[in-house]
Amino acid sequence: MNGIDALASFIAGLTPETIAPPVRDKLRLHVADNIGAWVAATATAEGRALIAFQRELAAAAGTAGAAVNPFDAVTVNCAVARLSE
């Protein structure tokens, strides 16, 4: 088993009970913070430009709306979230 397989196996085996309460608390805060940053950044000029870029990617791929391949969607949405942090 290589490192990626070991990490995937570890993550697949996680349950709320196997994660220490302090880690769960930090994870909740981290997720809420990232969602807030993502939402706030959509109101910036840069955020709107990234969203427009995502739509351009979708149009170039011949898909409707903002549907793009998952890699592009993750990349653009991570970039938007990082704008306000």
PDB file of N, CA and C in Angstrom:
ATOM      1  N   MET A   1       0.849  -1.177   0.000  1.00  0.00           N
ATOM      2  CA  MET A   1       0.000   0.000   0.000  1.00  0.00           C
ATOM      3  C   MET A   1       0.894   1.239   0.000  1.00  0.00           C
ATOM      4  N   ASN A   2       0.602   2.172  -0.911  1.00  0.00           N
ATOM      5  CA  ASN A   2       1.394   3.406  -0.944  1.00  0.00           C
ATOM      6  C   ASN A   2       0.786   4.452  -0.007  1.00  0.00           C
ATOM      7  N   GLY A   3       1.418   5.609   0.050  1.00  0.00           N
ATOM      8  CA  GLY A   3       0.966   6.650   0.984  1.00  0.00           C
ATOM      9  C   GLY A   3      -0.444   7.143   0.709  1.00  0.00           C
ATOM     10  N   ILE A   4      -0.789   7.308  -0.559  1.00  0.00           N
ATOM     11  CA  ILE A   4      -2.130   7.786  -0.919  1.00  0.00           C
ATOM     12  C   ILE A   4      -3.183   6.751  -0.509  1.00  0.00           C
ATOM     13  N   ASP A   5      -2.886   5.476  -0.764  1.00  0.00           N
ATOM     14  CA  ASP A   5      -3.822   4.417  -0.378  1.00  0.00           C
ATOM     15  C   ASP A   5      -4.002   4.369   1.140  1.00  0.00           C
ATOM     16  N   ALA A   6      -2.913   4.532   1.876  1.00  0.00           N
ATOM     17  CA  ALA A   6      -2.985   4.524   3.339  1.00  0.00           C
ATOM     18  C   ALA A   6      -3.810   5.701   3.850  1.00  0.00           C
ATOM     19  N   LEU A   7      -3.582   6.877   3.263  1.00  0.00           N
ATOM     20  CA  LEU A   7      -4.354   8.055   3.663  1.00  0.00           C
ATOM     21  C   LEU A   7      -5.832   7.871   3.333  1.00  0.00           C
ATOM     22  N   ALA A   8      -6.119   7.369   2.145  1.00  0.00           N
ATOM     23  CA  ALA A   8      -7.512   7.133   1.743  1.00  0.00           C
ATOM     24  C   ALA A   8      -8.184   6.132   2.674  1.00  0.00           C
ATOM     25  N   SER A   9      -7.479   5.092   3.027  1.00  0.00           N
ATOM     26  CA  SER A   9      -8.033   4.084   3.939  1.00  0.00           C
ATOM     27  C   SER A   9      -8.309   4.693   5.313  1.00  0.00           C
ATOM     28  N   PHE A  10      -7.372   5.500   5.793  1.00  0.00           N
ATOM     29  CA  PHE A  10      -7.554   6.162   7.088  1.00  0.00           C
ATOM     30  C   PHE A  10      -8.781   7.065   7.060  1.00  0.00           C
ATOM     31  N   ILE A  11      -8.889   7.890   6.022  1.00  0.00           N
ATOM     32  CA  ILE A  11     -10.012   8.828   5.917  1.00  0.00           C
ATOM     33  C   ILE A  11     -11.332   8.079   5.782  1.00  0.00           C
ATOM     34  N   ALA A  12     -11.338   7.016   4.986  1.00  0.00           N
ATOM     35  CA  ALA A  12     -12.567   6.236   4.787  1.00  0.00           C
ATOM     36  C   ALA A  12     -13.039   5.590   6.083  1.00  0.00           C
ATOM     37  N   GLY A  13     -12.103   5.312   6.978  1.00  0.00           N
ATOM     38  CA  GLY A  13     -12.468   4.677   8.244  1.00  0.00           C
ATOM     39  C   GLY A  13     -12.863   5.643   9.343  1.00  0.00           C
ATOM     40  N   LEU A  14     -12.772   6.936   9.084  1.00  0.00           N
ATOM     41  CA  LEU A  14     -13.118   7.912  10.122  1.00  0.00           C
ATOM     42  C   LEU A  14     -14.625   7.959  10.361  1.00  0.00           C
ATOM     43  N   THR A  15     -14.975   8.108  11.593  1.00  0.00           N
ATOM     44  CA  THR A  15     -16.357   8.365  12.003  1.00  0.00           C
ATOM     45  C   THR A  15     -16.300   9.470  13.044  1.00  0.00           C
ATOM     46  N   PRO A  16     -17.409  10.123  13.319  1.00  0.00           N
ATOM     47  CA  PRO A  16     -17.368  11.163  14.365  1.00  0.00           C
ATOM     48  C   PRO A  16     -16.824  10.642  15.698  1.00  0.00           C
ATOM     49  N   GLU A  17     -17.071   9.379  15.981  1.00  0.00           N
ATOM     50  CA  GLU A  17     -16.611   8.819  17.255  1.00  0.00           C
ATOM     51  C   GLU A  17     -15.101   8.606  17.293  1.00  0.00           C
ATOM     52  N   THR A  18     -14.469   8.454  16.118  1.00  0.00           N
ATOM     53  CA  THR A  18     -13.026   8.207  16.097  1.00  0.00           C
ATOM     54  C   THR A  18     -12.212   9.493  16.056  1.00  0.00           C
ATOM     55  N   ILE A  19     -12.889  10.629  15.940  1.00  0.00           N
ATOM     56  CA  ILE A  19     -12.200  11.926  15.929  1.00  0.00           C
ATOM     57  C   ILE A  19     -12.368  12.551  17.310  1.00  0.00           C
ATOM     58  N   ALA A  20     -11.271  12.952  17.908  1.00  0.00           N
ATOM     59  CA  ALA A  20     -11.307  13.536  19.249  1.00  0.00           C
ATOM     60  C   ALA A  20     -12.193  14.781  19.261  1.00  0.00           C
ATOM     61  N   PRO A  21     -12.973  14.975  20.343  1.00  0.00           N
ATOM     62  CA  PRO A  21     -13.868  16.139  20.422  1.00  0.00           C
ATOM     63  C   PRO A  21     -13.194  17.481  20.148  1.00  0.00           C
ATOM     64  N   PRO A  22     -11.993  17.754  20.657  1.00  0.00           N
ATOM     65  CA  PRO A  22     -11.375  19.041  20.338  1.00  0.00           C
ATOM     66  C   PRO A  22     -11.088  19.202  18.834  1.00  0.00           C
ATOM     67  N   VAL A  23     -10.747  18.095  18.181  1.00  0.00           N
ATOM     68  CA  VAL A  23     -10.487  18.140  16.736  1.00  0.00           C
ATOM     69  C   VAL A  23     -11.791  18.390  15.986  1.00  0.00           C
ATOM     70  N   ARG A  24     -12.865  17.738  16.407  1.00  0.00           N
ATOM     71  CA  ARG A  24     -14.180  17.971  15.785  1.00  0.00           C
ATOM     72  C   ARG A  24     -14.591  19.423  15.935  1.00  0.00           C
ATOM     73  N   ASP A  25     -14.366  19.995  17.110  1.00  0.00           N
ATOM     74  CA  ASP A  25     -14.721  21.400  17.341  1.00  0.00           C
ATOM     75  C   ASP A  25     -13.939  22.318  16.402  1.00  0.00           C
ATOM     76  N   LYS A  26     -12.645  22.067  16.261  1.00  0.00           N
ATOM     77  CA  LYS A  26     -11.833  22.889  15.355  1.00  0.00           C
ATOM     78  C   LYS A  26     -12.269  22.700  13.912  1.00  0.00           C
ATOM     79  N   LEU A  27     -12.629  21.488  13.551  1.00  0.00           N
ATOM     80  CA  LEU A  27     -13.086  21.217  12.196  1.00  0.00           C
ATOM     81  C   LEU A  27     -14.387  21.958  11.903  1.00  0.00           C
ATOM     82  N   ARG A  28     -15.325  21.948  12.852  1.00  0.00           N
ATOM     83  CA  ARG A  28     -16.583  22.693  12.667  1.00  0.00           C
ATOM     84  C   ARG A  28     -16.301  24.176  12.434  1.00  0.00           C
ATOM     85  N   LEU A  29     -15.427  24.740  13.241  1.00  0.00           N
ATOM     86  CA  LEU A  29     -15.075  26.148  13.110  1.00  0.00           C
ATOM     87  C   LEU A  29     -14.403  26.415  11.766  1.00  0.00           C
ATOM     88  N   HIS A  30     -13.504  25.532  11.369  1.00  0.00           N
ATOM     89  CA  HIS A  30     -12.795  25.695  10.099  1.00  0.00           C
ATOM     90  C   HIS A  30     -13.767  25.645   8.918  1.00  0.00           C
ATOM     91  N   VAL A  31     -14.689  24.700   8.932  1.00  0.00           N
ATOM     92  CA  VAL A  31     -15.665  24.585   7.844  1.00  0.00           C
ATOM     93  C   VAL A  31     -16.556  25.828   7.803  1.00  0.00           C
ATOM     94  N   ALA A  32     -17.061  26.259   8.965  1.00  0.00           N
ATOM     95  CA  ALA A  32     -17.912  27.450   9.012  1.00  0.00           C
ATOM     96  C   ALA A  32     -17.151  28.686   8.529  1.00  0.00           C
ATOM     97  N   ASP A  33     -15.889  28.807   8.927  1.00  0.00           N
ATOM     98  CA  ASP A  33     -15.065  29.937   8.499  1.00  0.00           C
ATOM     99  C   ASP A  33     -14.874  29.935   6.985  1.00  0.00           C
ATOM    100  N   ASN A  34     -14.603  28.776   6.425  1.00  0.00           N
ATOM    101  CA  ASN A  34     -14.407  28.691   4.970  1.00  0.00           C
ATOM    102  C   ASN A  34     -15.677  28.999   4.201  1.00  0.00           C
ATOM    103  N   ILE A  35     -16.802  28.533   4.685  1.00  0.00           N
ATOM    104  CA  ILE A  35     -18.073  28.837   4.015  1.00  0.00           C
ATOM    105  C   ILE A  35     -18.344  30.336   4.075  1.00  0.00           C
ATOM    106  N   GLY A  36     -18.114  30.930   5.227  1.00  0.00           N
ATOM    107  CA  GLY A  36     -18.303  32.379   5.362  1.00  0.00           C
ATOM    108  C   GLY A  36     -17.385  33.167   4.445  1.00  0.00           C
ATOM    109  N   ALA A  37     -16.123  32.739   4.356  1.00  0.00           N
ATOM    110  CA  ALA A  37     -15.163  33.415   3.472  1.00  0.00           C
ATOM    111  C   ALA A  37     -15.592  33.277   2.020  1.00  0.00           C
ATOM    112  N   TRP A  38     -16.056  32.103   1.650  1.00  0.00           N
ATOM    113  CA  TRP A  38     -16.497  31.849   0.274  1.00  0.00           C
ATOM    114  C   TRP A  38     -17.679  32.737  -0.084  1.00  0.00           C
ATOM    115  N   VAL A  39     -18.672  32.805   0.814  1.00  0.00           N
ATOM    116  CA  VAL A  39     -19.859  33.631   0.561  1.00  0.00           C
ATOM    117  C   VAL A  39     -19.469  35.110   0.487  1.00  0.00           C
ATOM    118  N   ALA A  40     -18.651  35.567   1.419  1.00  0.00           N
ATOM    119  CA  ALA A  40     -18.246  36.978   1.428  1.00  0.00           C
ATOM    120  C   ALA A  40     -17.474  37.347   0.168  1.00  0.00           C
ATOM    121  N   ALA A  41     -16.631  36.454  -0.293  1.00  0.00           N
ATOM    122  CA  ALA A  41     -15.792  36.754  -1.451  1.00  0.00           C
ATOM    123  C   ALA A  41     -16.589  36.842  -2.745  1.00  0.00           C
ATOM    124  N   THR A  42     -17.763  36.242  -2.795  1.00  0.00           N
ATOM    125  CA  THR A  42     -18.563  36.330  -4.019  1.00  0.00           C
ATOM    126  C   THR A  42     -19.044  37.753  -4.273  1.00  0.00           C
ATOM    127  N   ALA A  43     -18.960  38.615  -3.263  1.00  0.00           N
ATOM    128  CA  ALA A  43     -19.397  40.000  -3.420  1.00  0.00           C
ATOM    129  C   ALA A  43     -18.257  40.918  -3.879  1.00  0.00           C
ATOM    130  N   THR A  44     -17.047  40.381  -3.994  1.00  0.00           N
ATOM    131  CA  THR A  44     -15.918  41.204  -4.428  1.00  0.00           C
ATOM    132  C   THR A  44     -15.789  41.157  -5.950  1.00  0.00           C
ATOM    133  N   ALA A  45     -15.091  42.131  -6.491  1.00  0.00           N
ATOM    134  CA  ALA A  45     -14.862  42.160  -7.947  1.00  0.00           C
ATOM    135  C   ALA A  45     -14.094  40.911  -8.388  1.00  0.00           C
ATOM    136  N   GLU A  46     -13.113  40.515  -7.584  1.00  0.00           N
ATOM    137  CA  GLU A  46     -12.329  39.328  -7.931  1.00  0.00           C
ATOM    138  C   GLU A  46     -13.189  38.067  -7.890  1.00  0.00           C
ATOM    139  N   GLY A  47     -14.060  37.988  -6.870  1.00  0.00           N
ATOM    140  CA  GLY A  47     -14.954  36.836  -6.759  1.00  0.00           C
ATOM    141  C   GLY A  47     -15.902  36.749  -7.937  1.00  0.00           C
ATOM    142  N   ARG A  48     -16.457  37.890  -8.324  1.00  0.00           N
ATOM    143  CA  ARG A  48     -17.349  37.910  -9.497  1.00  0.00           C
ATOM    144  C   ARG A  48     -16.583  37.523 -10.765  1.00  0.00           C
ATOM    145  N   ALA A  49     -15.318  37.947 -10.866  1.00  0.00           N
ATOM    146  CA  ALA A  49     -14.506  37.585 -12.034  1.00  0.00           C
ATOM    147  C   ALA A  49     -14.243  36.080 -12.078  1.00  0.00           C
ATOM    148  N   LEU A  50     -13.975  35.493 -10.927  1.00  0.00           N
ATOM    149  CA  LEU A  50     -13.758  34.048 -10.889  1.00  0.00           C
ATOM    150  C   LEU A  50     -15.030  33.279 -11.238  1.00  0.00           C
ATOM    151  N   ILE A  51     -16.156  33.755 -10.762  1.00  0.00           N
ATOM    152  CA  ILE A  51     -17.437  33.107 -11.088  1.00  0.00           C
ATOM    153  C   ILE A  51     -17.712  33.227 -12.587  1.00  0.00           C
ATOM    154  N   ALA A  52     -17.409  34.391 -13.164  1.00  0.00           N
ATOM    155  CA  ALA A  52     -17.564  34.564 -14.607  1.00  0.00           C
ATOM    156  C   ALA A  52     -16.628  33.630 -15.363  1.00  0.00           C
ATOM    157  N   PHE A  53     -15.414  33.469 -14.856  1.00  0.00           N
ATOM    158  CA  PHE A  53     -14.455  32.553 -15.470  1.00  0.00           C
ATOM    159  C   PHE A  53     -14.990  31.126 -15.444  1.00  0.00           C
ATOM    160  N   GLN A  54     -15.601  30.745 -14.328  1.00  0.00           N
ATOM    161  CA  GLN A  54     -16.180  29.403 -14.218  1.00  0.00           C
ATOM    162  C   GLN A  54     -17.277  29.218 -15.267  1.00  0.00           C
ATOM    163  N   ARG A  55     -18.072  30.238 -15.463  1.00  0.00           N
ATOM    164  CA  ARG A  55     -19.124  30.159 -16.490  1.00  0.00           C
ATOM    165  C   ARG A  55     -18.515  30.060 -17.894  1.00  0.00           C
ATOM    166  N   GLU A  56     -17.404  30.768 -18.107  1.00  0.00           N
ATOM    167  CA  GLU A  56     -16.712  30.674 -19.398  1.00  0.00           C
ATOM    168  C   GLU A  56     -16.182  29.259 -19.634  1.00  0.00           C
ATOM    169  N   LEU A  57     -15.648  28.656 -18.583  1.00  0.00           N
ATOM    170  CA  LEU A  57     -15.181  27.268 -18.701  1.00  0.00           C
ATOM    171  C   LEU A  57     -16.330  26.343 -19.080  1.00  0.00           C
ATOM    172  N   ALA A  58     -17.489  26.568 -18.447  1.00  0.00           N
ATOM    173  CA  ALA A  58     -18.663  25.739 -18.738  1.00  0.00           C
ATOM    174  C   ALA A  58     -19.110  25.934 -20.180  1.00  0.00           C
ATOM    175  N   ALA A  59     -19.112  27.186 -20.621  1.00  0.00           N
ATOM    176  CA  ALA A  59     -19.533  27.462 -22.000  1.00  0.00           C
ATOM    177  C   ALA A  59     -18.571  26.824 -22.998  1.00  0.00           C
ATOM    178  N   ALA A  60     -17.283  26.901 -22.708  1.00  0.00           N
ATOM    179  CA  ALA A  60     -16.287  26.305 -23.602  1.00  0.00           C
ATOM    180  C   ALA A  60     -16.440  24.786 -23.662  1.00  0.00           C
ATOM    181  N   ALA A  61     -16.906  24.205 -22.554  1.00  0.00           N
ATOM    182  CA  ALA A  61     -17.107  22.755 -22.511  1.00  0.00           C
ATOM    183  C   ALA A  61     -18.464  22.355 -23.077  1.00  0.00           C
ATOM    184  N   GLY A  62     -19.292  23.359 -23.378  1.00  0.00           N
ATOM    185  CA  GLY A  62     -20.603  23.071 -23.942  1.00  0.00           C
ATOM    186  C   GLY A  62     -21.630  22.644 -22.914  1.00  0.00           C
ATOM    187  N   THR A  63     -21.414  23.019 -21.648  1.00  0.00           N
ATOM    188  CA  THR A  63     -22.377  22.685 -20.599  1.00  0.00           C
ATOM    189  C   THR A  63     -23.164  23.929 -20.218  1.00  0.00           C
ATOM    190  N   ALA A  64     -24.332  23.721 -19.664  1.00  0.00           N
ATOM    191  CA  ALA A  64     -25.207  24.838 -19.294  1.00  0.00           C
ATOM    192  C   ALA A  64     -24.844  25.383 -17.913  1.00  0.00           C
ATOM    193  N   GLY A  65     -25.164  26.633 -17.698  1.00  0.00           N
ATOM    194  CA  GLY A  65     -24.984  27.247 -16.383  1.00  0.00           C
ATOM    195  C   GLY A  65     -23.535  27.248 -15.956  1.00  0.00           C
ATOM    196  N   ALA A  66     -23.304  26.947 -14.687  1.00  0.00           N
ATOM    197  CA  ALA A  66     -21.945  26.956 -14.148  1.00  0.00           C
ATOM    198  C   ALA A  66     -21.384  25.549 -14.028  1.00  0.00           C
ATOM    199  N   ALA A  67     -21.978  24.585 -14.737  1.00  0.00           N
ATOM    200  CA  ALA A  67     -21.517  23.207 -14.644  1.00  0.00           C
ATOM    201  C   ALA A  67     -20.174  23.057 -15.357  1.00  0.00           C
ATOM    202  N   VAL A  68     -19.170  22.703 -14.611  1.00  0.00           N
ATOM    203  CA  VAL A  68     -17.848  22.452 -15.178  1.00  0.00           C
ATOM    204  C   VAL A  68     -17.361  21.128 -14.613  1.00  0.00           C
ATOM    205  N   ASN A  69     -16.226  20.677 -15.085  1.00  0.00           N
ATOM    206  CA  ASN A  69     -15.733  19.426 -14.522  1.00  0.00           C
ATOM    207  C   ASN A  69     -15.388  19.646 -13.049  1.00  0.00           C
ATOM    208  N   PRO A  70     -15.418  18.604 -12.246  1.00  0.00           N
ATOM    209  CA  PRO A  70     -15.208  18.766 -10.796  1.00  0.00           C
ATOM    210  C   PRO A  70     -13.888  19.440 -10.432  1.00  0.00           C
ATOM    211  N   PHE A  71     -12.819  19.158 -11.154  1.00  0.00           N
ATOM    212  CA  PHE A  71     -11.539  19.771 -10.842  1.00  0.00           C
ATOM    213  C   PHE A  71     -11.612  21.286 -11.007  1.00  0.00           C
ATOM    214  N   ASP A  72     -12.203  21.748 -12.106  1.00  0.00           N
ATOM    215  CA  ASP A  72     -12.351  23.190 -12.322  1.00  0.00           C
ATOM    216  C   ASP A  72     -13.245  23.811 -11.260  1.00  0.00           C
ATOM    217  N   ALA A  73     -14.327  23.135 -10.908  1.00  0.00           N
ATOM    218  CA  ALA A  73     -15.250  23.661  -9.898  1.00  0.00           C
ATOM    219  C   ALA A  73     -14.551  23.815  -8.552  1.00  0.00           C
ATOM    220  N   VAL A  74     -13.800  22.808  -8.147  1.00  0.00           N
ATOM    221  CA  VAL A  74     -13.075  22.878  -6.875  1.00  0.00           C
ATOM    222  C   VAL A  74     -12.036  23.986  -6.920  1.00  0.00           C
ATOM    223  N   THR A  75     -11.305  24.070  -8.015  1.00  0.00           N
ATOM    224  CA  THR A  75     -10.261  25.087  -8.142  1.00  0.00           C
ATOM    225  C   THR A  75     -10.835  26.498  -8.037  1.00  0.00           C
ATOM    226  N   VAL A  76     -11.887  26.768  -8.784  1.00  0.00           N
ATOM    227  CA  VAL A  76     -12.480  28.107  -8.767  1.00  0.00           C
ATOM    228  C   VAL A  76     -13.087  28.406  -7.403  1.00  0.00           C
ATOM    229  N   ASN A  77     -13.806  27.461  -6.821  1.00  0.00           N
ATOM    230  CA  ASN A  77     -14.434  27.723  -5.530  1.00  0.00           C
ATOM    231  C   ASN A  77     -13.417  27.880  -4.410  1.00  0.00           C
ATOM    232  N   CYS A  78     -12.314  27.153  -4.460  1.00  0.00           N
ATOM    233  CA  CYS A  78     -11.254  27.354  -3.468  1.00  0.00           C
ATOM    234  C   CYS A  78     -10.630  28.732  -3.634  1.00  0.00           C
ATOM    235  N   ALA A  79     -10.428  29.135  -4.878  1.00  0.00           N
ATOM    236  CA  ALA A  79      -9.870  30.475  -5.120  1.00  0.00           C
ATOM    237  C   ALA A  79     -10.799  31.559  -4.590  1.00  0.00           C
ATOM    238  N   VAL A  80     -12.092  31.398  -4.808  1.00  0.00           N
ATOM    239  CA  VAL A  80     -13.065  32.385  -4.298  1.00  0.00           C
ATOM    240  C   VAL A  80     -13.013  32.431  -2.773  1.00  0.00           C
ATOM    241  N   ALA A  81     -12.988  31.281  -2.138  1.00  0.00           N
ATOM    242  CA  ALA A  81     -12.955  31.249  -0.660  1.00  0.00           C
ATOM    243  C   ALA A  81     -11.704  31.919  -0.125  1.00  0.00           C
ATOM    244  N   ARG A  82     -10.594  31.758  -0.806  1.00  0.00           N
ATOM    245  CA  ARG A  82      -9.324  32.324  -0.337  1.00  0.00           C
ATOM    246  C   ARG A  82      -9.246  33.835  -0.506  1.00  0.00           C
ATOM    247  N   LEU A  83     -10.108  34.418  -1.328  1.00  0.00           N
ATOM    248  CA  LEU A  83     -10.050  35.866  -1.573  1.00  0.00           C
ATOM    249  C   LEU A  83     -10.263  36.694  -0.304  1.00  0.00           C
ATOM    250  N   SER A  84     -11.089  36.217   0.597  1.00  0.00           N
ATOM    251  CA  SER A  84     -11.436  37.043   1.756  1.00  0.00           C
ATOM    252  C   SER A  84     -10.725  36.615   3.033  1.00  0.00           C
ATOM    253  N   GLU A  85      -9.806  35.695   2.922  1.00  0.00           N
ATOM    254  CA  GLU A  85      -9.087  35.261   4.131  1.00  0.00           C
ATOM    255  C   GLU A  85      -7.794  35.996   4.304  1.00  0.00           C
TER     256      GLU A  85
END
